[in-house]
Amino acid sequence: MSNKTANPPILFALAASIALLMLAAACSKAPEPNPEAEKAAPPLAPSVPDLKVSAAAKAKALDPKPGPQAQKKPPTDTFGSGRATITVKGHPGGVNHSFWSEGMDIDGSGTPALVDVAWDNQHKVLYVSKERTFACRNGQTADGSSLMVVYGKKNTLNKPTGSGWWVVDLDAGECGVHEAGLYGCKFDPDGANSDCGSATIHDERDEVEIVPLPQK
């Protein structure tokens, strides 16, 4: 009785077929559900920018003189950029403003940045404008035009000296806000922020109205 060996091509084809069947079975097997992976990350809560009035800005409001490297700018009816703009002409009783640009440490970093400055000689109010990048309180980073107002000594608006407010022009989605607009805070003479939220500037009173942001 003779021993017969299998034809090598047949064995190769059989092995390939088995491998293909095993691969198909593995691919068709549904993956195990992963509840943790299926959970979408919750959207970040809307927040205001994480800004504060700097010591340099407060000092400038107390002694509102252009620095030695300041560049004088022509008078204008408005001050600021984008939505972070205030009308500075036509206040009750008239105004006499000075406009210039100079280096100022507006974020407390110790590094001056070029900012636009205006001083209301009649009402004793300082305005500082700057396009800037900043952190948001919810951990994001954004950029936009900012406007800061600091009430000077003997201001005619009966505001505490060194207090004021700031606003930033945000696009929808920046800092998690749902609508484009102005967002900011008021601050006391010690520089502590309060009444933060969406903002509306009242030009005639050098004041801002703040509506708190929703908590969720």
Protein backbone atom coordinates (compact mmCIF):
# COMPACT_ATOMS: atom_id res chain seq x y z
CA MET A 1 0.00 0.00 0.00
CA SER A 2 1.56 3.33 -1.07
CA ASN A 3 1.64 6.52 1.09
CA LYS A 4 0.18 9.53 -0.66
CA THR A 5 1.18 13.09 0.34
CA ALA A 6 -1.17 16.07 -0.10
CA ASN A 7 -0.50 18.38 -2.96
CA PRO A 8 1.32 21.50 -1.55
CA PRO A 9 -0.79 23.99 -3.59
CA ILE A 10 -3.95 22.47 -2.18
CA LEU A 11 -2.61 22.74 1.39
CA PHE A 12 -1.67 26.40 0.82
CA ALA A 13 -5.10 27.23 -0.56
CA LEU A 14 -6.79 25.47 2.36
CA ALA A 15 -4.69 27.33 4.91
CA ALA A 16 -5.41 30.67 3.21
CA SER A 17 -9.14 29.95 3.22
CA ILE A 18 -9.09 29.14 6.93
CA ALA A 19 -7.15 32.34 7.67
CA LEU A 20 -9.65 34.44 5.69
CA LEU A 21 -12.57 32.84 7.53
CA MET A 22 -10.95 33.58 10.91
CA LEU A 23 -10.24 37.19 9.90
CA ALA A 24 -13.82 37.69 8.73
CA ALA A 25 -15.15 36.30 11.98
CA ALA A 26 -12.91 38.62 14.00
CA CYS A 27 -13.97 41.69 12.00
CA SER A 28 -17.65 40.86 12.25
CA LYS A 29 -17.53 40.60 16.03
CA ALA A 30 -19.13 43.69 17.56
CA PRO A 31 -16.81 45.62 19.92
CA GLU A 32 -17.58 45.57 23.58
CA PRO A 33 -19.52 48.70 24.60
CA ASN A 34 -17.45 51.29 26.48
CA PRO A 35 -19.78 53.55 28.44
CA GLU A 36 -16.93 55.87 29.44
CA ALA A 37 -15.82 56.39 25.83
CA GLU A 38 -19.40 57.04 24.75
CA LYS A 39 -19.80 59.89 27.23
CA ALA A 40 -19.25 63.18 25.41
CA ALA A 41 -17.24 65.82 27.23
CA PRO A 42 -19.64 68.39 28.70
CA PRO A 43 -19.40 71.86 27.13
CA LEU A 44 -17.48 74.42 29.14
CA ALA A 45 -19.64 76.88 31.03
CA PRO A 46 -19.65 80.44 29.65
CA SER A 47 -17.34 82.78 31.54
CA VAL A 48 -15.87 86.24 31.43
CA PRO A 49 -12.21 86.84 30.60
CA ASP A 50 -9.81 86.50 33.50
CA LEU A 51 -8.74 90.16 33.56
CA LYS A 52 -7.97 92.60 36.35
CA VAL A 53 -7.09 96.26 36.48
CA SER A 54 -3.32 96.61 36.78
CA ALA A 55 -1.43 98.79 39.25
CA ALA A 56 -0.03 100.76 36.30
CA ALA A 57 -3.51 101.60 34.97
CA LYS A 58 -4.68 102.74 38.40
CA ALA A 59 -1.54 104.84 38.84
CA LYS A 60 -2.10 106.49 35.46
CA ALA A 61 -5.66 107.44 36.51
CA LEU A 62 -4.27 109.10 39.64
CA ASP A 63 -1.61 110.98 37.66
CA PRO A 64 -2.98 111.15 34.10
CA LYS A 65 0.04 112.45 32.25
CA PRO A 66 1.48 110.95 29.05
CA GLY A 67 4.77 109.16 29.69
CA PRO A 68 8.08 110.35 28.19
CA GLN A 69 7.74 107.94 25.22
CA ALA A 70 4.03 108.64 24.63
CA GLN A 71 2.78 109.55 21.16
CA LYS A 72 0.02 112.14 20.94
CA LYS A 73 -3.05 111.12 18.94
CA PRO A 74 -5.68 113.34 17.27
CA PRO A 75 -9.05 113.97 18.97
CA THR A 76 -11.87 111.62 18.06
CA ASP A 77 -15.55 111.22 18.86
CA THR A 78 -15.14 107.63 20.03
CA PHE A 79 -12.48 105.65 21.82
CA GLY A 80 -11.73 101.94 21.62
CA SER A 81 -12.08 99.23 19.00
CA GLY A 82 -14.91 96.99 17.80
CA ARG A 83 -17.77 96.72 20.24
CA ALA A 84 -15.40 97.74 23.06
CA THR A 85 -15.87 101.40 22.14
CA ILE A 86 -17.21 104.37 24.07
CA THR A 87 -18.42 107.74 22.79
CA VAL A 88 -16.31 110.48 24.35
CA LYS A 89 -17.87 113.54 22.72
CA GLY A 90 -21.16 115.05 23.82
CA HIS A 91 -21.09 114.16 27.52
CA PRO A 92 -23.28 116.41 29.66
CA GLY A 93 -21.65 119.81 29.90
CA GLY A 94 -19.10 119.11 27.17
CA VAL A 95 -15.70 117.46 27.40
CA ASN A 96 -12.04 118.13 26.89
CA HIS A 97 -10.18 114.90 26.19
CA SER A 98 -6.51 114.13 25.69
CA PHE A 99 -5.51 111.18 23.49
CA TRP A 100 -2.18 109.36 23.28
CA SER A 101 -0.53 105.94 23.04
CA GLU A 102 2.24 104.62 25.28
CA GLY A 103 3.69 101.47 26.84
CA MET A 104 1.81 100.33 29.93
CA ASP A 105 1.79 97.15 31.99
CA ILE A 106 -1.93 96.40 31.78
CA ASP A 107 -1.86 92.77 32.90
CA GLY A 108 0.48 92.92 35.89
CA SER A 109 3.15 90.88 34.11
CA GLY A 110 5.79 93.58 34.50
CA THR A 111 6.08 93.92 30.71
CA PRO A 112 4.67 97.10 29.13
CA ALA A 113 2.48 96.78 26.03
CA LEU A 114 1.53 99.58 23.65
CA VAL A 115 -1.97 100.80 24.52
CA ASP A 116 -4.22 103.66 23.47
CA VAL A 117 -5.10 106.07 26.27
CA ALA A 118 -7.65 108.86 26.67
CA TRP A 119 -8.18 111.16 29.61
CA ASP A 120 -11.40 113.05 30.26
CA ASN A 121 -10.08 116.31 31.70
CA GLN A 122 -13.51 117.45 32.85
CA HIS A 123 -14.97 114.34 34.42
CA LYS A 124 -11.59 112.91 35.54
CA VAL A 125 -11.90 109.51 33.90
CA LEU A 126 -9.15 107.43 32.28
CA TYR A 127 -9.79 105.12 29.31
CA VAL A 128 -7.37 102.40 28.16
CA SER A 129 -7.87 100.37 24.96
CA LYS A 130 -5.93 97.33 23.77
CA GLU A 131 -6.37 94.35 21.43
CA ARG A 132 -5.15 91.49 23.59
CA THR A 133 -4.99 87.75 24.23
CA PHE A 134 -6.22 86.55 27.60
CA ALA A 135 -7.28 83.54 29.61
CA CYS A 136 -10.94 82.84 30.32
CA ARG A 137 -12.14 81.83 33.76
CA ASN A 138 -13.30 78.48 32.34
CA GLY A 139 -9.76 77.61 31.23
CA GLN A 140 -10.03 78.61 27.57
CA THR A 141 -7.93 81.23 25.81
CA ALA A 142 -9.35 83.98 23.61
CA ASP A 143 -8.51 87.38 22.17
CA GLY A 144 -10.42 90.56 21.50
CA SER A 145 -10.57 94.31 21.92
CA SER A 146 -10.61 95.45 25.54
CA LEU A 147 -11.68 98.74 27.08
CA MET A 148 -10.87 99.69 30.66
CA VAL A 149 -12.24 102.72 32.50
CA VAL A 150 -10.70 103.98 35.76
CA TYR A 151 -12.23 106.82 37.75
CA GLY A 152 -9.66 109.40 38.81
CA LYS A 153 -9.37 111.68 41.82
CA LYS A 154 -12.24 114.16 42.27
CA ASN A 155 -14.16 112.64 39.38
CA THR A 156 -17.51 114.34 38.77
CA LEU A 157 -19.37 111.00 38.62
CA ASN A 158 -19.02 110.47 42.39
CA LYS A 159 -17.27 107.15 41.88
CA PRO A 160 -14.64 105.86 44.34
CA THR A 161 -11.17 106.85 43.17
CA GLY A 162 -9.41 103.92 41.52
CA SER A 163 -12.61 101.98 40.87
CA GLY A 164 -13.99 101.37 37.39
CA TRP A 165 -14.83 98.64 34.93
CA TRP A 166 -13.53 96.74 31.92
CA VAL A 167 -15.13 94.99 28.96
CA VAL A 168 -13.88 92.71 26.18
CA ASP A 169 -15.40 92.17 22.73
CA LEU A 170 -15.96 88.40 22.39
CA ASP A 171 -17.12 86.32 19.44
CA ALA A 172 -19.65 83.54 19.99
CA GLY A 173 -17.84 80.54 21.43
CA GLU A 174 -14.97 82.50 22.95
CA CYS A 175 -14.84 81.92 26.71
CA GLY A 176 -17.81 79.62 26.11
CA VAL A 177 -20.28 82.50 25.58
CA HIS A 178 -23.28 81.75 23.37
CA GLU A 179 -23.62 85.20 21.79
CA ALA A 180 -21.09 87.67 20.45
CA GLY A 181 -20.90 90.89 22.45
CA LEU A 182 -19.29 92.68 25.36
CA TYR A 183 -18.40 90.85 28.56
CA GLY A 184 -16.63 92.18 31.60
CA CYS A 185 -16.64 93.22 35.25
CA LYS A 186 -16.72 96.22 37.52
CA PHE A 187 -13.88 96.61 40.03
CA ASP A 188 -13.51 98.39 43.36
CA PRO A 189 -10.69 100.74 44.46
CA ASP A 190 -8.66 97.69 45.57
CA GLY A 191 -8.90 96.21 42.07
CA ALA A 192 -11.22 93.34 43.04
CA ASN A 193 -13.64 92.37 40.26
CA SER A 194 -17.37 92.17 40.92
CA ASP A 195 -20.70 92.11 39.03
CA CYS A 196 -19.23 90.15 36.12
CA GLY A 197 -21.21 89.08 33.04
CA SER A 198 -22.48 90.42 29.74
CA ALA A 199 -22.03 94.18 29.49
CA THR A 200 -23.72 97.25 28.00
CA ILE A 201 -21.83 100.55 27.95
CA HIS A 202 -23.71 103.74 28.87
CA ASP A 203 -21.57 106.37 27.17
CA GLU A 204 -23.23 109.42 28.67
CA ARG A 205 -22.44 108.26 32.21
CA ASP A 206 -19.08 106.54 31.65
CA GLU A 207 -20.78 103.52 33.18
CA VAL A 208 -21.46 99.90 32.32
CA GLU A 209 -24.48 97.70 33.03
CA ILE A 210 -23.67 94.08 33.85
CA VAL A 211 -25.99 91.07 33.53
CA PRO A 212 -24.64 87.91 35.24
CA LEU A 213 -23.94 84.92 33.00
CA PRO A 214 -26.03 81.76 33.39
CA GLN A 215 -24.48 79.18 35.69
CA LYS A 216 -24.96 76.32 33.18
